[in-house]
Amino acid sequence: MGLLIIDKEKCRQDGLCAADCPTAVIRFDGEGSYPELVTGGEQVCLRCGHCVAACPHGALDHVDVPLASSPAIEKTLQISKAQIVQFLRSRRSVRRFKKKPVEREVLRQLIEIARYAPTGSNMQLVKWLVIDDRQQLHQLAEAVVAWMRALLAADPGATARPYLPRLVKGWDAGRDTVLWDAPCLIVAMAPAADRTGMVNLSLALSYLELAAPAYGLGTCWAGVLQGAIMSVPGIKSAVGIPDHYPSYYPMILGYSKVRYHRLPERRAPKILWK
C-alpha cells in the first residue's frame, strides 16, 4: 500500500491536493486521472496533511496523516474579525496566581493544543518539561537571585540590567520576583538537530499561552530565569534541560488571581513598504 489512498468514488479529479502540496510530491495529470505520489515521494513528503485538509470531498487518505484523525472544520466555530482582534489584544502577562495547583490533565491538554503550532519542515521536534513541585520551583528562584546578586556585585550600577536591583530588593522583602509564586513552570525545548528550534518552540509556547485563559490560567514568559539558565550551567542542569537541547525557553503558569477589563494600546507598527 502506498502513502496515499484515493477513494475514486469520492474523488472529483479537481487536483486540489496536488496544487497545494508544498513539496510537489503529488502528481495529477488532469481530467480523467487521479492524483498519485511521484516516484521517491515518500522520502520527500513532509507529512504535513495539506493534501488531506485541502480535499473538500474526503477522497484522499494519508497513511501517516489519517483522514479518520482529521476532523472536518466546523464553520459554526469560526470566529469573526472583531473576536480575533479582542482575543489577541486581551492577552496579558500574568504575575499574580492563586495557590491552587494546576492539574496535570489540564497541562497535558494545553500541550496537546500547542503541538499544532507550525514547525520548520514539519519536524515537530519540540519537547516539553514541566515542573510543578513548589519546593523545586523555590530553589530555582533562589538560584536565580544568587545569579542576580553576582551580576550586581560585578556591576553595582546595574548599567546592563537596570531592573535587577528592584528584583533583588523585592526578593529580600519576601516576594518571589523570579517565578512570582507560580505553581507551575513549563519549558519548551528543541534539539540541536532542529535548525529552526528557537522559532518552533516559541510558536508552540505562543499557542499554549493563548489557549491558557480558556482554562482560567495565566502565563508569563520567564525572561529572568531564561537569562540565568543561559549564563549558569548549574541552573540549566537544575531545571533539567539536556545538554543536546540548545534551544529552550521557560514559561510560568497558574490560575490567575487577576482579571483585566481593558485593552491597552501598543506602539504603532513600523512598516517598510517596498
C-alpha atoms as a PDB file:
ATOM      1  CA  MET A   1       0.000   0.000   0.000  1.00  0.00           C
ATOM      2  CA  GLY A   2       1.311   3.470  -0.923  1.00  0.00           C
ATOM      3  CA  LEU A   3       1.408   6.585   1.202  1.00  0.00           C
ATOM      4  CA  LEU A   4      -1.769   7.984  -0.388  1.00  0.00           C
ATOM      5  CA  ILE A   5      -5.110   6.212  -0.657  1.00  0.00           C
ATOM      6  CA  ILE A   6      -7.555   7.688  -3.144  1.00  0.00           C
ATOM      7  CA  ASP A   7     -11.269   6.925  -2.903  1.00  0.00           C
ATOM      8  CA  LYS A   8     -12.115   7.041  -6.591  1.00  0.00           C
ATOM      9  CA  GLU A   9     -15.843   7.162  -5.889  1.00  0.00           C
ATOM     10  CA  LYS A  10     -15.421  10.399  -3.922  1.00  0.00           C
ATOM     11  CA  CYS A  11     -12.588  11.977  -5.913  1.00  0.00           C
ATOM     12  CA  ARG A  12     -13.766  14.772  -8.213  1.00  0.00           C
ATOM     13  CA  GLN A  13     -10.448  14.871 -10.079  1.00  0.00           C
ATOM     14  CA  ASP A  14     -10.013  18.574  -9.367  1.00  0.00           C
ATOM     15  CA  GLY A  15      -6.317  18.365  -8.474  1.00  0.00           C
ATOM     16  CA  LEU A  16      -6.665  20.468  -5.327  1.00  0.00           C
ATOM     17  CA  CYS A  17      -4.440  18.117  -3.350  1.00  0.00           C
ATOM     18  CA  ALA A  18      -1.631  18.257  -5.904  1.00  0.00           C
ATOM     19  CA  ALA A  19      -1.862  22.029  -6.278  1.00  0.00           C
ATOM     20  CA  ASP A  20      -1.472  22.567  -2.519  1.00  0.00           C
ATOM     21  CA  CYS A  21       1.336  20.078  -1.845  1.00  0.00           C
ATOM     22  CA  PRO A  22       4.330  22.148  -0.597  1.00  0.00           C
ATOM     23  CA  THR A  23       6.900  19.637  -1.888  1.00  0.00           C
ATOM     24  CA  ALA A  24       5.093  18.783  -5.151  1.00  0.00           C
ATOM     25  CA  VAL A  25       5.135  15.054  -4.491  1.00  0.00           C
ATOM     26  CA  ILE A  26       1.570  14.536  -5.748  1.00  0.00           C
ATOM     27  CA  ARG A  27       1.153  14.207  -9.493  1.00  0.00           C
ATOM     28  CA  PHE A  28      -2.148  14.999 -11.167  1.00  0.00           C
ATOM     29  CA  ASP A  29      -2.346  14.729 -14.941  1.00  0.00           C
ATOM     30  CA  GLY A  30      -5.692  16.430 -15.382  1.00  0.00           C
ATOM     31  CA  GLU A  31      -9.224  15.375 -16.155  1.00  0.00           C
ATOM     32  CA  GLY A  32      -9.689  11.635 -16.341  1.00  0.00           C
ATOM     33  CA  SER A  33      -6.762  10.901 -13.998  1.00  0.00           C
ATOM     34  CA  TYR A  34      -6.405  10.518 -10.264  1.00  0.00           C
ATOM     35  CA  PRO A  35      -3.731  12.028  -8.011  1.00  0.00           C
ATOM     36  CA  GLU A  36      -0.795   9.788  -7.164  1.00  0.00           C
ATOM     37  CA  LEU A  37       2.538  10.005  -5.409  1.00  0.00           C
ATOM     38  CA  VAL A  38       5.556  10.689  -7.594  1.00  0.00           C
ATOM     39  CA  THR A  39       8.476   8.272  -7.573  1.00  0.00           C
ATOM     40  CA  GLY A  40      10.505   8.824  -4.412  1.00  0.00           C
ATOM     41  CA  GLY A  41       7.720  10.942  -2.938  1.00  0.00           C
ATOM     42  CA  GLU A  42       7.623   9.032   0.342  1.00  0.00           C
ATOM     43  CA  GLN A  43      11.126  10.297   1.199  1.00  0.00           C
ATOM     44  CA  VAL A  44      10.259  13.926   0.427  1.00  0.00           C
ATOM     45  CA  CYS A  45       6.708  14.121   1.820  1.00  0.00           C
ATOM     46  CA  LEU A  46       6.535  16.395   4.887  1.00  0.00           C
ATOM     47  CA  ARG A  47       3.568  14.545   6.424  1.00  0.00           C
ATOM     48  CA  CYS A  48       2.005  17.989   6.857  1.00  0.00           C
ATOM     49  CA  GLY A  49      -1.520  16.885   5.946  1.00  0.00           C
ATOM     50  CA  HIS A  50      -2.148  19.659   3.409  1.00  0.00           C
ATOM     51  CA  CYS A  51      -3.460  17.142   0.892  1.00  0.00           C
ATOM     52  CA  VAL A  52      -5.926  15.683   3.387  1.00  0.00           C
ATOM     53  CA  ALA A  53      -7.039  19.142   4.520  1.00  0.00           C
ATOM     54  CA  ALA A  54      -7.404  20.575   1.018  1.00  0.00           C
ATOM     55  CA  CYS A  55      -9.745  17.900  -0.330  1.00  0.00           C
ATOM     56  CA  PRO A  56     -13.353  19.036   0.258  1.00  0.00           C
ATOM     57  CA  HIS A  57     -14.698  15.605  -0.667  1.00  0.00           C
ATOM     58  CA  GLY A  58     -12.826  13.473   1.882  1.00  0.00           C
ATOM     59  CA  ALA A  59     -11.458  11.448  -1.020  1.00  0.00           C
ATOM     60  CA  LEU A  60      -7.782  11.406  -0.044  1.00  0.00           C
ATOM     61  CA  ASP A  61      -6.312   9.480   2.859  1.00  0.00           C
ATOM     62  CA  HIS A  62      -2.696   9.511   4.005  1.00  0.00           C
ATOM     63  CA  VAL A  63      -1.064   6.611   5.829  1.00  0.00           C
ATOM     64  CA  ASP A  64       0.802   8.896   8.247  1.00  0.00           C
ATOM     65  CA  VAL A  65      -1.851  11.641   8.439  1.00  0.00           C
ATOM     66  CA  PRO A  66      -5.065   9.580   8.552  1.00  0.00           C
ATOM     67  CA  LEU A  67      -8.316  11.032   7.319  1.00  0.00           C
ATOM     68  CA  ALA A  68     -10.037   9.437  10.313  1.00  0.00           C
ATOM     69  CA  SER A  69      -7.918  11.599  12.650  1.00  0.00           C
ATOM     70  CA  SER A  70      -8.532  14.773  10.640  1.00  0.00           C
ATOM     71  CA  PRO A  71     -11.957  16.139  11.650  1.00  0.00           C
ATOM     72  CA  ALA A  72     -13.780  18.496   9.343  1.00  0.00           C
ATOM     73  CA  ILE A  73     -13.601  22.233  10.096  1.00  0.00           C
ATOM     74  CA  GLU A  74     -16.864  23.373  11.669  1.00  0.00           C
ATOM     75  CA  LYS A  75     -17.972  26.677  10.184  1.00  0.00           C
ATOM     76  CA  THR A  76     -20.043  27.445  13.291  1.00  0.00           C
ATOM     77  CA  LEU A  77     -16.821  27.598  15.335  1.00  0.00           C
ATOM     78  CA  GLN A  78     -15.092  30.124  13.108  1.00  0.00           C
ATOM     79  CA  ILE A  79     -14.600  33.467  14.848  1.00  0.00           C
ATOM     80  CA  SER A  80     -15.125  36.942  13.470  1.00  0.00           C
ATOM     81  CA  LYS A  81     -12.504  39.615  12.824  1.00  0.00           C
ATOM     82  CA  ALA A  82     -13.680  41.571  15.869  1.00  0.00           C
ATOM     83  CA  GLN A  83     -13.450  38.473  18.046  1.00  0.00           C
ATOM     84  CA  ILE A  84      -9.923  37.618  16.932  1.00  0.00           C
ATOM     85  CA  VAL A  85      -8.744  41.197  17.482  1.00  0.00           C
ATOM     86  CA  GLN A  86     -10.136  41.283  21.040  1.00  0.00           C
ATOM     87  CA  PHE A  87      -8.838  37.787  21.756  1.00  0.00           C
ATOM     88  CA  LEU A  88      -5.275  38.658  20.773  1.00  0.00           C
ATOM     89  CA  ARG A  89      -5.300  42.138  22.316  1.00  0.00           C
ATOM     90  CA  SER A  90      -6.567  40.783  25.635  1.00  0.00           C
ATOM     91  CA  ARG A  91      -3.514  38.586  26.167  1.00  0.00           C
ATOM     92  CA  ARG A  92      -1.618  39.750  29.263  1.00  0.00           C
ATOM     93  CA  SER A  93       1.474  38.571  31.125  1.00  0.00           C
ATOM     94  CA  VAL A  94       0.161  37.335  34.473  1.00  0.00           C
ATOM     95  CA  ARG A  95       2.259  37.570  37.640  1.00  0.00           C
ATOM     96  CA  ARG A  96      -0.409  37.037  40.302  1.00  0.00           C
ATOM     97  CA  PHE A  97      -1.546  33.477  40.832  1.00  0.00           C
ATOM     98  CA  LYS A  98      -3.893  31.610  43.107  1.00  0.00           C
ATOM     99  CA  LYS A  99      -2.387  28.998  45.417  1.00  0.00           C
ATOM    100  CA  LYS A 100      -4.366  26.314  43.614  1.00  0.00           C
ATOM    101  CA  PRO A 101      -2.113  23.818  41.775  1.00  0.00           C
ATOM    102  CA  VAL A 102      -2.673  23.222  38.076  1.00  0.00           C
ATOM    103  CA  GLU A 103      -3.970  19.747  37.346  1.00  0.00           C
ATOM    104  CA  ARG A 104      -1.628  17.689  35.195  1.00  0.00           C
ATOM    105  CA  GLU A 105      -4.514  16.715  32.925  1.00  0.00           C
ATOM    106  CA  VAL A 106      -5.077  20.413  32.195  1.00  0.00           C
ATOM    107  CA  LEU A 107      -1.378  20.854  31.456  1.00  0.00           C
ATOM    108  CA  ARG A 108      -1.477  17.852  29.150  1.00  0.00           C
ATOM    109  CA  GLN A 109      -4.430  19.327  27.274  1.00  0.00           C
ATOM    110  CA  LEU A 110      -2.605  22.634  26.796  1.00  0.00           C
ATOM    111  CA  ILE A 111       0.482  20.873  25.479  1.00  0.00           C
ATOM    112  CA  GLU A 112      -1.744  18.840  23.147  1.00  0.00           C
ATOM    113  CA  ILE A 113      -3.042  22.143  21.730  1.00  0.00           C
ATOM    114  CA  ALA A 114       0.477  23.575  21.469  1.00  0.00           C
ATOM    115  CA  ARG A 115       1.669  20.666  19.338  1.00  0.00           C
ATOM    116  CA  TYR A 116      -0.410  22.022  16.459  1.00  0.00           C
ATOM    117  CA  ALA A 117       1.861  25.068  16.184  1.00  0.00           C
ATOM    118  CA  PRO A 118       3.821  25.130  12.923  1.00  0.00           C
ATOM    119  CA  THR A 119       7.405  23.846  12.852  1.00  0.00           C
ATOM    120  CA  GLY A 120      10.055  24.214  10.175  1.00  0.00           C
ATOM    121  CA  SER A 121       9.757  21.396   7.620  1.00  0.00           C
ATOM    122  CA  ASN A 122       7.039  19.984   9.889  1.00  0.00           C
ATOM    123  CA  MET A 123       9.770  18.353  12.010  1.00  0.00           C
ATOM    124  CA  GLN A 124       7.690  18.505  15.231  1.00  0.00           C
ATOM    125  CA  LEU A 125      10.721  18.087  17.493  1.00  0.00           C
ATOM    126  CA  VAL A 126       9.629  20.373  20.347  1.00  0.00           C
ATOM    127  CA  LYS A 127       9.895  18.632  23.718  1.00  0.00           C
ATOM    128  CA  TRP A 128       8.243  19.721  26.957  1.00  0.00           C
ATOM    129  CA  LEU A 129       9.487  19.815  30.528  1.00  0.00           C
ATOM    130  CA  VAL A 130       7.026  20.525  33.353  1.00  0.00           C
ATOM    131  CA  ILE A 131       7.928  21.338  36.966  1.00  0.00           C
ATOM    132  CA  ASP A 132       5.024  21.598  39.415  1.00  0.00           C
ATOM    133  CA  ASP A 133       6.851  20.902  42.670  1.00  0.00           C
ATOM    134  CA  ARG A 134       6.775  24.133  44.696  1.00  0.00           C
ATOM    135  CA  GLN A 135       9.940  23.348  46.649  1.00  0.00           C
ATOM    136  CA  GLN A 136      11.882  22.772  43.450  1.00  0.00           C
ATOM    137  CA  LEU A 137      10.490  25.978  41.985  1.00  0.00           C
ATOM    138  CA  HIS A 138      11.520  27.939  45.081  1.00  0.00           C
ATOM    139  CA  GLN A 139      15.036  26.501  44.890  1.00  0.00           C
ATOM    140  CA  LEU A 140      15.279  27.541  41.242  1.00  0.00           C
ATOM    141  CA  ALA A 141      14.175  31.061  42.121  1.00  0.00           C
ATOM    142  CA  GLU A 142      16.804  31.204  44.898  1.00  0.00           C
ATOM    143  CA  ALA A 143      19.499  30.175  42.411  1.00  0.00           C
ATOM    144  CA  VAL A 144      18.396  32.913  40.014  1.00  0.00           C
ATOM    145  CA  VAL A 145      18.524  35.513  42.782  1.00  0.00           C
ATOM    146  CA  ALA A 146      22.066  34.373  43.625  1.00  0.00           C
ATOM    147  CA  TRP A 147      22.983  34.890  39.962  1.00  0.00           C
ATOM    148  CA  MET A 148      21.480  38.387  40.045  1.00  0.00           C
ATOM    149  CA  ARG A 149      23.431  39.259  43.209  1.00  0.00           C
ATOM    150  CA  ALA A 150      26.644  38.169  41.468  1.00  0.00           C
ATOM    151  CA  LEU A 151      25.829  40.394  38.490  1.00  0.00           C
ATOM    152  CA  LEU A 152      25.205  43.368  40.772  1.00  0.00           C
ATOM    153  CA  ALA A 153      28.446  42.734  42.640  1.00  0.00           C
ATOM    154  CA  ALA A 154      30.316  42.914  39.333  1.00  0.00           C
ATOM    155  CA  ASP A 155      28.308  45.921  38.132  1.00  0.00           C
ATOM    156  CA  PRO A 156      26.936  47.851  41.148  1.00  0.00           C
ATOM    157  CA  GLY A 157      25.334  50.436  38.912  1.00  0.00           C
ATOM    158  CA  ALA A 158      23.387  47.738  37.085  1.00  0.00           C
ATOM    159  CA  THR A 159      24.079  49.521  33.814  1.00  0.00           C
ATOM    160  CA  ALA A 160      23.403  46.422  31.729  1.00  0.00           C
ATOM    161  CA  ARG A 161      20.269  45.320  33.576  1.00  0.00           C
ATOM    162  CA  PRO A 162      18.738  48.281  35.471  1.00  0.00           C
ATOM    163  CA  TYR A 163      15.820  46.181  36.713  1.00  0.00           C
ATOM    164  CA  LEU A 164      17.980  43.798  38.788  1.00  0.00           C
ATOM    165  CA  PRO A 165      18.187  45.904  41.974  1.00  0.00           C
ATOM    166  CA  ARG A 166      14.387  46.086  42.168  1.00  0.00           C
ATOM    167  CA  LEU A 167      14.041  42.323  41.711  1.00  0.00           C
ATOM    168  CA  VAL A 168      16.620  41.527  44.382  1.00  0.00           C
ATOM    169  CA  LYS A 169      15.116  44.096  46.767  1.00  0.00           C
ATOM    170  CA  GLY A 170      11.677  42.574  46.231  1.00  0.00           C
ATOM    171  CA  TRP A 171      13.016  39.088  46.925  1.00  0.00           C
ATOM    172  CA  ASP A 172      14.655  40.278  50.134  1.00  0.00           C
ATOM    173  CA  ALA A 173      11.307  41.765  51.148  1.00  0.00           C
ATOM    174  CA  GLY A 174       9.700  38.329  50.864  1.00  0.00           C
ATOM    175  CA  ARG A 175       8.272  38.442  47.337  1.00  0.00           C
ATOM    176  CA  ASP A 176       9.065  35.941  44.616  1.00  0.00           C
ATOM    177  CA  THR A 177      10.234  38.311  41.893  1.00  0.00           C
ATOM    178  CA  VAL A 178      11.559  35.493  39.712  1.00  0.00           C
ATOM    179  CA  LEU A 179       8.740  32.968  39.286  1.00  0.00           C
ATOM    180  CA  TRP A 180       6.059  35.042  41.057  1.00  0.00           C
ATOM    181  CA  ASP A 181       4.897  32.103  43.206  1.00  0.00           C
ATOM    182  CA  ALA A 182       3.539  30.376  40.099  1.00  0.00           C
ATOM    183  CA  PRO A 183       2.604  26.758  40.810  1.00  0.00           C
ATOM    184  CA  CYS A 184       3.988  25.515  37.527  1.00  0.00           C
ATOM    185  CA  LEU A 185       6.915  26.040  35.177  1.00  0.00           C
ATOM    186  CA  ILE A 186       6.808  24.795  31.586  1.00  0.00           C
ATOM    187  CA  VAL A 187       9.921  24.690  29.415  1.00  0.00           C
ATOM    188  CA  ALA A 188       9.684  24.126  25.668  1.00  0.00           C
ATOM    189  CA  MET A 189      12.898  22.715  24.180  1.00  0.00           C
ATOM    190  CA  ALA A 190      14.276  21.796  20.775  1.00  0.00           C
ATOM    191  CA  PRO A 191      17.276  19.553  19.978  1.00  0.00           C
ATOM    192  CA  ALA A 192      20.384  20.565  18.083  1.00  0.00           C
ATOM    193  CA  ALA A 193      19.061  18.733  15.015  1.00  0.00           C
ATOM    194  CA  ASP A 194      16.245  21.288  14.754  1.00  0.00           C
ATOM    195  CA  ARG A 195      17.740  24.182  12.768  1.00  0.00           C
ATOM    196  CA  THR A 196      14.736  26.418  13.491  1.00  0.00           C
ATOM    197  CA  GLY A 197      14.317  25.186  17.039  1.00  0.00           C
ATOM    198  CA  MET A 198      14.000  28.544  18.792  1.00  0.00           C
ATOM    199  CA  VAL A 199      11.324  29.699  16.366  1.00  0.00           C
ATOM    200  CA  ASN A 200       9.455  26.402  16.626  1.00  0.00           C
ATOM    201  CA  LEU A 201       9.355  26.300  20.421  1.00  0.00           C
ATOM    202  CA  SER A 202       8.405  29.997  20.587  1.00  0.00           C
ATOM    203  CA  LEU A 203       5.413  29.335  18.336  1.00  0.00           C
ATOM    204  CA  ALA A 204       4.436  26.342  20.464  1.00  0.00           C
ATOM    205  CA  LEU A 205       4.626  28.407  23.668  1.00  0.00           C
ATOM    206  CA  SER A 206       2.546  31.121  21.995  1.00  0.00           C
ATOM    207  CA  TYR A 207      -0.154  28.584  21.152  1.00  0.00           C
ATOM    208  CA  LEU A 208      -0.094  27.348  24.751  1.00  0.00           C
ATOM    209  CA  GLU A 209      -0.350  30.809  26.316  1.00  0.00           C
ATOM    210  CA  LEU A 210      -3.181  31.841  24.004  1.00  0.00           C
ATOM    211  CA  ALA A 211      -5.127  28.713  24.944  1.00  0.00           C
ATOM    212  CA  ALA A 212      -4.447  29.049  28.692  1.00  0.00           C
ATOM    213  CA  PRO A 213      -7.123  31.692  29.533  1.00  0.00           C
ATOM    214  CA  ALA A 214      -9.855  29.324  28.340  1.00  0.00           C
ATOM    215  CA  TYR A 215      -8.856  27.153  31.311  1.00  0.00           C
ATOM    216  CA  GLY A 216      -8.761  30.102  33.731  1.00  0.00           C
ATOM    217  CA  LEU A 217      -4.977  30.135  33.591  1.00  0.00           C
ATOM    218  CA  GLY A 218      -2.481  32.944  33.207  1.00  0.00           C
ATOM    219  CA  THR A 219       1.049  32.736  31.843  1.00  0.00           C
ATOM    220  CA  CYS A 220       4.241  34.767  31.719  1.00  0.00           C
ATOM    221  CA  TRP A 221       7.424  34.231  29.729  1.00  0.00           C
ATOM    222  CA  ALA A 222      10.106  33.765  32.399  1.00  0.00           C
ATOM    223  CA  GLY A 223      12.804  36.002  30.925  1.00  0.00           C
ATOM    224  CA  VAL A 224      14.873  36.403  34.099  1.00  0.00           C
ATOM    225  CA  LEU A 225      15.030  32.647  34.549  1.00  0.00           C
ATOM    226  CA  GLN A 226      15.977  32.287  30.870  1.00  0.00           C
ATOM    227  CA  GLY A 227      18.890  34.669  31.367  1.00  0.00           C
ATOM    228  CA  ALA A 228      20.111  32.683  34.368  1.00  0.00           C
ATOM    229  CA  ILE A 229      19.782  29.352  32.551  1.00  0.00           C
ATOM    230  CA  MET A 230      21.851  30.679  29.654  1.00  0.00           C
ATOM    231  CA  SER A 231      24.515  32.065  31.997  1.00  0.00           C
ATOM    232  CA  VAL A 232      24.836  29.402  34.697  1.00  0.00           C
ATOM    233  CA  PRO A 233      25.226  25.729  33.655  1.00  0.00           C
ATOM    234  CA  GLY A 234      24.184  24.625  37.129  1.00  0.00           C
ATOM    235  CA  ILE A 235      20.795  26.304  36.798  1.00  0.00           C
ATOM    236  CA  LYS A 236      20.219  24.731  33.388  1.00  0.00           C
ATOM    237  CA  SER A 237      21.048  21.364  34.925  1.00  0.00           C
ATOM    238  CA  ALA A 238      18.754  22.021  37.906  1.00  0.00           C
ATOM    239  CA  VAL A 239      15.869  22.786  35.564  1.00  0.00           C
ATOM    240  CA  GLY A 240      16.551  19.521  33.761  1.00  0.00           C
ATOM    241  CA  ILE A 241      17.319  20.746  30.238  1.00  0.00           C
ATOM    242  CA  PRO A 242      19.511  18.172  28.408  1.00  0.00           C
ATOM    243  CA  ASP A 243      22.818  19.361  27.001  1.00  0.00           C
ATOM    244  CA  HIS A 244      21.813  18.348  23.475  1.00  0.00           C
ATOM    245  CA  TYR A 245      18.829  20.731  23.631  1.00  0.00           C
ATOM    246  CA  PRO A 246      20.441  24.121  22.911  1.00  0.00           C
ATOM    247  CA  SER A 247      17.130  25.908  22.257  1.00  0.00           C
ATOM    248  CA  TYR A 248      14.698  26.410  25.130  1.00  0.00           C
ATOM    249  CA  TYR A 249      12.503  28.925  26.902  1.00  0.00           C
ATOM    250  CA  PRO A 250      10.610  28.766  30.228  1.00  0.00           C
ATOM    251  CA  MET A 251       7.084  29.960  30.944  1.00  0.00           C
ATOM    252  CA  ILE A 252       5.328  30.197  34.318  1.00  0.00           C
ATOM    253  CA  LEU A 253       1.696  29.224  34.548  1.00  0.00           C
ATOM    254  CA  GLY A 254      -1.080  29.118  37.126  1.00  0.00           C
ATOM    255  CA  TYR A 255      -4.676  30.025  37.868  1.00  0.00           C
ATOM    256  CA  SER A 256      -4.841  33.785  37.501  1.00  0.00           C
ATOM    257  CA  LYS A 257      -5.700  35.896  40.534  1.00  0.00           C
ATOM    258  CA  VAL A 258      -6.397  38.979  38.408  1.00  0.00           C
ATOM    259  CA  ARG A 259      -8.903  39.861  35.697  1.00  0.00           C
ATOM    260  CA  TYR A 260      -8.330  42.522  33.089  1.00  0.00           C
ATOM    261  CA  HIS A 261     -11.101  44.758  31.749  1.00  0.00           C
ATOM    262  CA  ARG A 262      -9.399  46.955  29.161  1.00  0.00           C
ATOM    263  CA  LEU A 263      -7.308  46.587  26.022  1.00  0.00           C
ATOM    264  CA  PRO A 264      -4.295  48.923  26.426  1.00  0.00           C
ATOM    265  CA  GLU A 265      -2.855  50.387  23.247  1.00  0.00           C
ATOM    266  CA  ARG A 266       0.576  49.488  21.907  1.00  0.00           C
ATOM    267  CA  ARG A 267       3.019  51.491  19.828  1.00  0.00           C
ATOM    268  CA  ALA A 268       2.125  51.857  16.184  1.00  0.00           C
ATOM    269  CA  PRO A 269       3.911  49.304  13.985  1.00  0.00           C
ATOM    270  CA  LYS A 270       6.872  50.409  11.910  1.00  0.00           C
ATOM    271  CA  ILE A 271       6.354  49.147   8.385  1.00  0.00           C
ATOM    272  CA  LEU A 272       8.779  49.334   5.483  1.00  0.00           C
ATOM    273  CA  TRP A 273       6.883  49.023   2.191  1.00  0.00           C
ATOM    274  CA  LYS A 274       8.775  48.091  -0.962  1.00  0.00           C
END
